[in-house]
Amino acid sequence: MFTQTVTIDQSRRIVLPEQVLDALGITVKDKIIVEVTQAGAIIKPERATPITDEIASMNLPVTDWEQMEREIEEGRIA
């Protein structure tokens, strides 16, 4: 984790530094999600693949799936 200060230009745009984009796995023309919270804003890549598809590709044993489902329902995994 790291913190980086950026400046908003006259057109109200923010240019994210390469280090930030690389850390988030964002490349040119990717879509991002900007989520406004009480604490500020969260910038994250839009994932084309639902998390359930990503989890399914891990070939986890059924017991791990059940644990993962419980944690998602309890809000510990987003």
PDB file of N, CA and C in Angstrom:
ATOM      1  N   MET A   1       0.837  -1.179   0.000  1.00  0.00           N
ATOM      2  CA  MET A   1       0.000   0.000   0.000  1.00  0.00           C
ATOM      3  C   MET A   1       0.885   1.247   0.000  1.00  0.00           C
ATOM      4  N   PHE A   2       0.375   2.278  -0.627  1.00  0.00           N
ATOM      5  CA  PHE A   2       1.086   3.542  -0.631  1.00  0.00           C
ATOM      6  C   PHE A   2       0.105   4.672  -0.867  1.00  0.00           C
ATOM      7  N   THR A   3       0.542   5.887  -0.630  1.00  0.00           N
ATOM      8  CA  THR A   3      -0.275   7.067  -0.836  1.00  0.00           C
ATOM      9  C   THR A   3       0.416   7.954  -1.853  1.00  0.00           C
ATOM     10  N   GLN A   4      -0.359   8.532  -2.748  1.00  0.00           N
ATOM     11  CA  GLN A   4       0.193   9.412  -3.776  1.00  0.00           C
ATOM     12  C   GLN A   4      -0.726  10.622  -3.896  1.00  0.00           C
ATOM     13  N   THR A   5      -0.146  11.812  -3.971  1.00  0.00           N
ATOM     14  CA  THR A   5      -0.913  13.038  -4.154  1.00  0.00           C
ATOM     15  C   THR A   5      -0.921  13.391  -5.634  1.00  0.00           C
ATOM     16  N   VAL A   6      -2.103  13.694  -6.173  1.00  0.00           N
ATOM     17  CA  VAL A   6      -2.238  14.112  -7.570  1.00  0.00           C
ATOM     18  C   VAL A   6      -3.021  15.419  -7.607  1.00  0.00           C
ATOM     19  N   THR A   7      -2.968  16.107  -8.746  1.00  0.00           N
ATOM     20  CA  THR A   7      -3.626  17.396  -8.890  1.00  0.00           C
ATOM     21  C   THR A   7      -4.771  17.298  -9.889  1.00  0.00           C
ATOM     22  N   ILE A   8      -5.849  17.996  -9.613  1.00  0.00           N
ATOM     23  CA  ILE A   8      -6.980  18.074 -10.535  1.00  0.00           C
ATOM     24  C   ILE A   8      -6.685  19.214 -11.511  1.00  0.00           C
ATOM     25  N   ASP A   9      -6.803  18.944 -12.824  1.00  0.00           N
ATOM     26  CA  ASP A   9      -6.506  19.989 -13.815  1.00  0.00           C
ATOM     27  C   ASP A   9      -7.708  20.896 -14.056  1.00  0.00           C
ATOM     28  N   GLN A  10      -7.553  21.867 -14.945  1.00  0.00           N
ATOM     29  CA  GLN A  10      -8.605  22.843 -15.230  1.00  0.00           C
ATOM     30  C   GLN A  10      -9.887  22.193 -15.757  1.00  0.00           C
ATOM     31  N   SER A  11      -9.762  21.049 -16.382  1.00  0.00           N
ATOM     32  CA  SER A  11     -10.935  20.327 -16.902  1.00  0.00           C
ATOM     33  C   SER A  11     -11.529  19.376 -15.864  1.00  0.00           C
ATOM     34  N   ARG A  12     -11.055  19.482 -14.629  1.00  0.00           N
ATOM     35  CA  ARG A  12     -11.529  18.672 -13.504  1.00  0.00           C
ATOM     36  C   ARG A  12     -11.163  17.194 -13.655  1.00  0.00           C
ATOM     37  N   ARG A  13     -10.056  16.931 -14.300  1.00  0.00           N
ATOM     38  CA  ARG A  13      -9.572  15.560 -14.496  1.00  0.00           C
ATOM     39  C   ARG A  13      -8.449  15.254 -13.526  1.00  0.00           C
ATOM     40  N   ILE A  14      -8.337  13.990 -13.218  1.00  0.00           N
ATOM     41  CA  ILE A  14      -7.241  13.497 -12.382  1.00  0.00           C
ATOM     42  C   ILE A  14      -6.447  12.508 -13.220  1.00  0.00           C
ATOM     43  N   VAL A  15      -5.151  12.684 -13.270  1.00  0.00           N
ATOM     44  CA  VAL A  15      -4.287  11.722 -13.950  1.00  0.00           C
ATOM     45  C   VAL A  15      -3.685  10.827 -12.875  1.00  0.00           C
ATOM     46  N   LEU A  16      -3.991   9.533 -12.968  1.00  0.00           N
ATOM     47  CA  LEU A  16      -3.438   8.592 -12.005  1.00  0.00           C
ATOM     48  C   LEU A  16      -2.029   8.192 -12.424  1.00  0.00           C
ATOM     49  N   PRO A  17      -1.090   8.255 -11.514  1.00  0.00           N
ATOM     50  CA  PRO A  17       0.292   7.883 -11.835  1.00  0.00           C
ATOM     51  C   PRO A  17       0.395   6.416 -12.252  1.00  0.00           C
ATOM     52  N   GLU A  18       1.394   6.136 -13.056  1.00  0.00           N
ATOM     53  CA  GLU A  18       1.617   4.780 -13.560  1.00  0.00           C
ATOM     54  C   GLU A  18       1.727   3.772 -12.420  1.00  0.00           C
ATOM     55  N   GLN A  19       2.389   4.162 -11.337  1.00  0.00           N
ATOM     56  CA  GLN A  19       2.558   3.266 -10.191  1.00  0.00           C
ATOM     57  C   GLN A  19       1.200   2.861  -9.610  1.00  0.00           C
ATOM     58  N   VAL A  20       0.254   3.795  -9.567  1.00  0.00           N
ATOM     59  CA  VAL A  20      -1.087   3.502  -9.056  1.00  0.00           C
ATOM     60  C   VAL A  20      -1.812   2.556 -10.000  1.00  0.00           C
ATOM     61  N   LEU A  21      -1.764   2.864 -11.295  1.00  0.00           N
ATOM     62  CA  LEU A  21      -2.432   2.020 -12.290  1.00  0.00           C
ATOM     63  C   LEU A  21      -1.869   0.599 -12.269  1.00  0.00           C
ATOM     64  N   ASP A  22      -0.551   0.493 -12.198  1.00  0.00           N
ATOM     65  CA  ASP A  22       0.076  -0.827 -12.152  1.00  0.00           C
ATOM     66  C   ASP A  22      -0.351  -1.605 -10.910  1.00  0.00           C
ATOM     67  N   ALA A  23      -0.402  -0.927  -9.769  1.00  0.00           N
ATOM     68  CA  ALA A  23      -0.779  -1.590  -8.517  1.00  0.00           C
ATOM     69  C   ALA A  23      -2.220  -2.095  -8.575  1.00  0.00           C
ATOM     70  N   LEU A  24      -3.077  -1.377  -9.302  1.00  0.00           N
ATOM     71  CA  LEU A  24      -4.481  -1.775  -9.420  1.00  0.00           C
ATOM     72  C   LEU A  24      -4.740  -2.702 -10.602  1.00  0.00           C
ATOM     73  N   GLY A  25      -3.722  -2.928 -11.425  1.00  0.00           N
ATOM     74  CA  GLY A  25      -3.897  -3.779 -12.599  1.00  0.00           C
ATOM     75  C   GLY A  25      -4.744  -3.123 -13.674  1.00  0.00           C
ATOM     76  N   ILE A  26      -4.705  -1.789 -13.743  1.00  0.00           N
ATOM     77  CA  ILE A  26      -5.495  -1.044 -14.724  1.00  0.00           C
ATOM     78  C   ILE A  26      -4.610  -0.674 -15.903  1.00  0.00           C
ATOM     79  N   THR A  27      -5.120  -0.897 -17.112  1.00  0.00           N
ATOM     80  CA  THR A  27      -4.387  -0.534 -18.319  1.00  0.00           C
ATOM     81  C   THR A  27      -5.222   0.440 -19.154  1.00  0.00           C
ATOM     82  N   VAL A  28      -4.633   0.951 -20.218  1.00  0.00           N
ATOM     83  CA  VAL A  28      -5.297   1.914 -21.092  1.00  0.00           C
ATOM     84  C   VAL A  28      -6.635   1.359 -21.578  1.00  0.00           C
ATOM     85  N   LYS A  29      -7.657   2.182 -21.547  1.00  0.00           N
ATOM     86  CA  LYS A  29      -9.017   1.885 -21.999  1.00  0.00           C
ATOM     87  C   LYS A  29      -9.804   0.979 -21.064  1.00  0.00           C
ATOM     88  N   ASP A  30      -9.196   0.564 -19.937  1.00  0.00           N
ATOM     89  CA  ASP A  30      -9.961  -0.184 -18.937  1.00  0.00           C
ATOM     90  C   ASP A  30     -10.991   0.742 -18.318  1.00  0.00           C
ATOM     91  N   LYS A  31     -12.094   0.171 -17.873  1.00  0.00           N
ATOM     92  CA  LYS A  31     -13.083   0.939 -17.144  1.00  0.00           C
ATOM     93  C   LYS A  31     -12.784   0.811 -15.658  1.00  0.00           C
ATOM     94  N   ILE A  32     -13.043   1.888 -14.923  1.00  0.00           N
ATOM     95  CA  ILE A  32     -12.842   1.862 -13.480  1.00  0.00           C
ATOM     96  C   ILE A  32     -14.141   2.246 -12.787  1.00  0.00           C
ATOM     97  N   ILE A  33     -14.224   1.887 -11.541  1.00  0.00           N
ATOM     98  CA  ILE A  33     -15.362   2.250 -10.707  1.00  0.00           C
ATOM     99  C   ILE A  33     -14.855   3.248  -9.674  1.00  0.00           C
ATOM    100  N   VAL A  34     -15.561   4.360  -9.526  1.00  0.00           N
ATOM    101  CA  VAL A  34     -15.262   5.327  -8.478  1.00  0.00           C
ATOM    102  C   VAL A  34     -16.427   5.278  -7.501  1.00  0.00           C
ATOM    103  N   GLU A  35     -16.132   4.843  -6.298  1.00  0.00           N
ATOM    104  CA  GLU A  35     -17.163   4.690  -5.272  1.00  0.00           C
ATOM    105  C   GLU A  35     -16.958   5.767  -4.210  1.00  0.00           C
ATOM    106  N   VAL A  36     -17.978   6.578  -3.976  1.00  0.00           N
ATOM    107  CA  VAL A  36     -17.895   7.638  -2.981  1.00  0.00           C
ATOM    108  C   VAL A  36     -18.435   7.093  -1.667  1.00  0.00           C
ATOM    109  N   THR A  37     -17.628   7.218  -0.612  1.00  0.00           N
ATOM    110  CA  THR A  37     -18.015   6.756   0.719  1.00  0.00           C
ATOM    111  C   THR A  37     -17.951   7.938   1.691  1.00  0.00           C
ATOM    112  N   GLN A  38     -18.352   7.718   2.916  1.00  0.00           N
ATOM    113  CA  GLN A  38     -18.255   8.785   3.915  1.00  0.00           C
ATOM    114  C   GLN A  38     -16.798   9.166   4.164  1.00  0.00           C
ATOM    115  N   ALA A  39     -15.896   8.212   3.997  1.00  0.00           N
ATOM    116  CA  ALA A  39     -14.480   8.453   4.258  1.00  0.00           C
ATOM    117  C   ALA A  39     -13.758   9.099   3.074  1.00  0.00           C
ATOM    118  N   GLY A  40     -14.347   9.071   1.878  1.00  0.00           N
ATOM    119  CA  GLY A  40     -13.691   9.612   0.691  1.00  0.00           C
ATOM    120  C   GLY A  40     -14.141   8.870  -0.550  1.00  0.00           C
ATOM    121  N   ALA A  41     -13.197   8.581  -1.422  1.00  0.00           N
ATOM    122  CA  ALA A  41     -13.515   7.876  -2.668  1.00  0.00           C
ATOM    123  C   ALA A  41     -12.620   6.656  -2.815  1.00  0.00           C
ATOM    124  N   ILE A  42     -13.175   5.631  -3.428  1.00  0.00           N
ATOM    125  CA  ILE A  42     -12.442   4.402  -3.714  1.00  0.00           C
ATOM    126  C   ILE A  42     -12.405   4.248  -5.227  1.00  0.00           C
ATOM    127  N   ILE A  43     -11.220   4.016  -5.773  1.00  0.00           N
ATOM    128  CA  ILE A  43     -11.057   3.789  -7.211  1.00  0.00           C
ATOM    129  C   ILE A  43     -10.624   2.344  -7.380  1.00  0.00           C
ATOM    130  N   LYS A  44     -11.377   1.605  -8.209  1.00  0.00           N
ATOM    131  CA  LYS A  44     -11.029   0.205  -8.419  1.00  0.00           C
ATOM    132  C   LYS A  44     -11.364  -0.185  -9.850  1.00  0.00           C
ATOM    133  N   PRO A  45     -10.669  -1.182 -10.377  1.00  0.00           N
ATOM    134  CA  PRO A  45     -10.962  -1.620 -11.744  1.00  0.00           C
ATOM    135  C   PRO A  45     -12.316  -2.295 -11.823  1.00  0.00           C
ATOM    136  N   GLU A  46     -13.002  -2.097 -12.929  1.00  0.00           N
ATOM    137  CA  GLU A  46     -14.247  -2.819 -13.168  1.00  0.00           C
ATOM    138  C   GLU A  46     -13.864  -4.202 -13.654  1.00  0.00           C
ATOM    139  N   ARG A  47     -14.360  -5.197 -13.017  1.00  0.00           N
ATOM    140  CA  ARG A  47     -14.033  -6.582 -13.386  1.00  0.00           C
ATOM    141  C   ARG A  47     -15.098  -7.123 -14.319  1.00  0.00           C
ATOM    142  N   ALA A  48     -14.675  -7.550 -15.488  1.00  0.00           N
ATOM    143  CA  ALA A  48     -15.607  -8.122 -16.456  1.00  0.00           C
ATOM    144  C   ALA A  48     -16.106  -9.485 -15.982  1.00  0.00           C
ATOM    145  N   THR A  49     -15.251 -10.188 -15.255  1.00  0.00           N
ATOM    146  CA  THR A  49     -15.598 -11.514 -14.767  1.00  0.00           C
ATOM    147  C   THR A  49     -16.122 -11.407 -13.350  1.00  0.00           C
ATOM    148  N   PRO A  50     -17.324 -11.900 -13.096  1.00  0.00           N
ATOM    149  CA  PRO A  50     -17.835 -11.867 -11.718  1.00  0.00           C
ATOM    150  C   PRO A  50     -16.905 -12.636 -10.794  1.00  0.00           C
ATOM    151  N   ILE A  51     -16.847 -12.212  -9.547  1.00  0.00           N
ATOM    152  CA  ILE A  51     -15.951 -12.858  -8.582  1.00  0.00           C
ATOM    153  C   ILE A  51     -16.268 -14.340  -8.434  1.00  0.00           C
ATOM    154  N   THR A  52     -17.531 -14.716  -8.590  1.00  0.00           N
ATOM    155  CA  THR A  52     -17.869 -16.138  -8.464  1.00  0.00           C
ATOM    156  C   THR A  52     -17.202 -16.962  -9.559  1.00  0.00           C
ATOM    157  N   ASP A  53     -17.066 -16.386 -10.759  1.00  0.00           N
ATOM    158  CA  ASP A  53     -16.369 -17.098 -11.840  1.00  0.00           C
ATOM    159  C   ASP A  53     -14.882 -17.239 -11.519  1.00  0.00           C
ATOM    160  N   GLU A  54     -14.297 -16.171 -10.941  1.00  0.00           N
ATOM    161  CA  GLU A  54     -12.888 -16.229 -10.572  1.00  0.00           C
ATOM    162  C   GLU A  54     -12.667 -17.286  -9.493  1.00  0.00           C
ATOM    163  N   ILE A  55     -13.569 -17.317  -8.517  1.00  0.00           N
ATOM    164  CA  ILE A  55     -13.461 -18.307  -7.435  1.00  0.00           C
ATOM    165  C   ILE A  55     -13.634 -19.716  -7.992  1.00  0.00           C
ATOM    166  N   ALA A  56     -14.584 -19.890  -8.907  1.00  0.00           N
ATOM    167  CA  ALA A  56     -14.827 -21.215  -9.488  1.00  0.00           C
ATOM    168  C   ALA A  56     -13.590 -21.732 -10.217  1.00  0.00           C
ATOM    169  N   SER A  57     -12.826 -20.833 -10.810  1.00  0.00           N
ATOM    170  CA  SER A  57     -11.639 -21.264 -11.554  1.00  0.00           C
ATOM    171  C   SER A  57     -10.530 -21.757 -10.631  1.00  0.00           C
ATOM    172  N   MET A  58     -10.675 -21.530  -9.320  1.00  0.00           N
ATOM    173  CA  MET A  58      -9.653 -21.970  -8.360  1.00  0.00           C
ATOM    174  C   MET A  58      -9.762 -23.454  -8.023  1.00  0.00           C
ATOM    175  N   ASN A  59     -10.872 -24.093  -8.393  1.00  0.00           N
ATOM    176  CA  ASN A  59     -11.079 -25.520  -8.106  1.00  0.00           C
ATOM    177  C   ASN A  59     -10.881 -25.855  -6.633  1.00  0.00           C
ATOM    178  N   LEU A  60     -11.531 -25.092  -5.778  1.00  0.00           N
ATOM    179  CA  LEU A  60     -11.427 -25.322  -4.340  1.00  0.00           C
ATOM    180  C   LEU A  60     -12.302 -26.491  -3.908  1.00  0.00           C
ATOM    181  N   PRO A  61     -11.901 -27.178  -2.833  1.00  0.00           N
ATOM    182  CA  PRO A  61     -12.761 -28.237  -2.288  1.00  0.00           C
ATOM    183  C   PRO A  61     -14.074 -27.629  -1.794  1.00  0.00           C
ATOM    184  N   VAL A  62     -15.121 -28.427  -1.733  1.00  0.00           N
ATOM    185  CA  VAL A  62     -16.445 -27.948  -1.343  1.00  0.00           C
ATOM    186  C   VAL A  62     -16.405 -27.265   0.020  1.00  0.00           C
ATOM    187  N   THR A  63     -15.652 -27.787   0.966  1.00  0.00           N
ATOM    188  CA  THR A  63     -15.611 -27.170   2.300  1.00  0.00           C
ATOM    189  C   THR A  63     -15.076 -25.744   2.212  1.00  0.00           C
ATOM    190  N   ASP A  64     -14.101 -25.485   1.340  1.00  0.00           N
ATOM    191  CA  ASP A  64     -13.581 -24.127   1.172  1.00  0.00           C
ATOM    192  C   ASP A  64     -14.638 -23.218   0.545  1.00  0.00           C
ATOM    193  N   TRP A  65     -15.426 -23.748  -0.376  1.00  0.00           N
ATOM    194  CA  TRP A  65     -16.510 -22.972  -1.002  1.00  0.00           C
ATOM    195  C   TRP A  65     -17.506 -22.518   0.047  1.00  0.00           C
ATOM    196  N   GLU A  66     -17.860 -23.446   0.949  1.00  0.00           N
ATOM    197  CA  GLU A  66     -18.830 -23.120   1.987  1.00  0.00           C
ATOM    198  C   GLU A  66     -18.296 -22.028   2.907  1.00  0.00           C
ATOM    199  N   GLN A  67     -17.030 -22.098   3.257  1.00  0.00           N
ATOM    200  CA  GLN A  67     -16.404 -21.077   4.099  1.00  0.00           C
ATOM    201  C   GLN A  67     -16.379 -19.735   3.359  1.00  0.00           C
ATOM    202  N   MET A  68     -16.031 -19.756   2.089  1.00  0.00           N
ATOM    203  CA  MET A  68     -15.986 -18.536   1.286  1.00  0.00           C
ATOM    204  C   MET A  68     -17.379 -17.901   1.217  1.00  0.00           C
ATOM    205  N   GLU A  69     -18.411 -18.719   1.015  1.00  0.00           N
ATOM    206  CA  GLU A  69     -19.776 -18.208   0.946  1.00  0.00           C
ATOM    207  C   GLU A  69     -20.177 -17.541   2.262  1.00  0.00           C
ATOM    208  N   ARG A  70     -19.825 -18.162   3.386  1.00  0.00           N
ATOM    209  CA  ARG A  70     -20.138 -17.576   4.697  1.00  0.00           C
ATOM    210  C   ARG A  70     -19.448 -16.223   4.862  1.00  0.00           C
ATOM    211  N   GLU A  71     -18.186 -16.140   4.468  1.00  0.00           N
ATOM    212  CA  GLU A  71     -17.437 -14.892   4.618  1.00  0.00           C
ATOM    213  C   GLU A  71     -17.994 -13.799   3.713  1.00  0.00           C
ATOM    214  N   ILE A  72     -18.415 -14.150   2.503  1.00  0.00           N
ATOM    215  CA  ILE A  72     -19.021 -13.169   1.606  1.00  0.00           C
ATOM    216  C   ILE A  72     -20.321 -12.654   2.210  1.00  0.00           C
ATOM    217  N   GLU A  73     -21.136 -13.568   2.721  1.00  0.00           N
ATOM    218  CA  GLU A  73     -22.417 -13.179   3.323  1.00  0.00           C
ATOM    219  C   GLU A  73     -22.224 -12.293   4.547  1.00  0.00           C
ATOM    220  N   GLU A  74     -21.146 -12.523   5.288  1.00  0.00           N
ATOM    221  CA  GLU A  74     -20.865 -11.739   6.495  1.00  0.00           C
ATOM    222  C   GLU A  74     -20.152 -10.424   6.158  1.00  0.00           C
ATOM    223  N   GLY A  75     -19.845 -10.220   4.866  1.00  0.00           N
ATOM    224  CA  GLY A  75     -19.227  -8.969   4.449  1.00  0.00           C
ATOM    225  C   GLY A  75     -17.725  -8.918   4.610  1.00  0.00           C
ATOM    226  N   ARG A  76     -17.088 -10.050   4.906  1.00  0.00           N
ATOM    227  CA  ARG A  76     -15.637 -10.040   5.065  1.00  0.00           C
ATOM    228  C   ARG A  76     -14.903 -10.131   3.751  1.00  0.00           C
ATOM    229  N   ILE A  77     -15.573 -10.609   2.703  1.00  0.00           N
ATOM    230  CA  ILE A  77     -14.985 -10.685   1.367  1.00  0.00           C
ATOM    231  C   ILE A  77     -15.910  -9.929   0.439  1.00  0.00           C
ATOM    232  N   ALA A  78     -15.337  -8.974  -0.316  1.00  0.00           N
ATOM    233  CA  ALA A  78     -16.165  -8.194  -1.253  1.00  0.00           C
ATOM    234  C   ALA A  78     -16.032  -8.733  -2.641  1.00  0.00           C
TER     235      ALA A  78
END
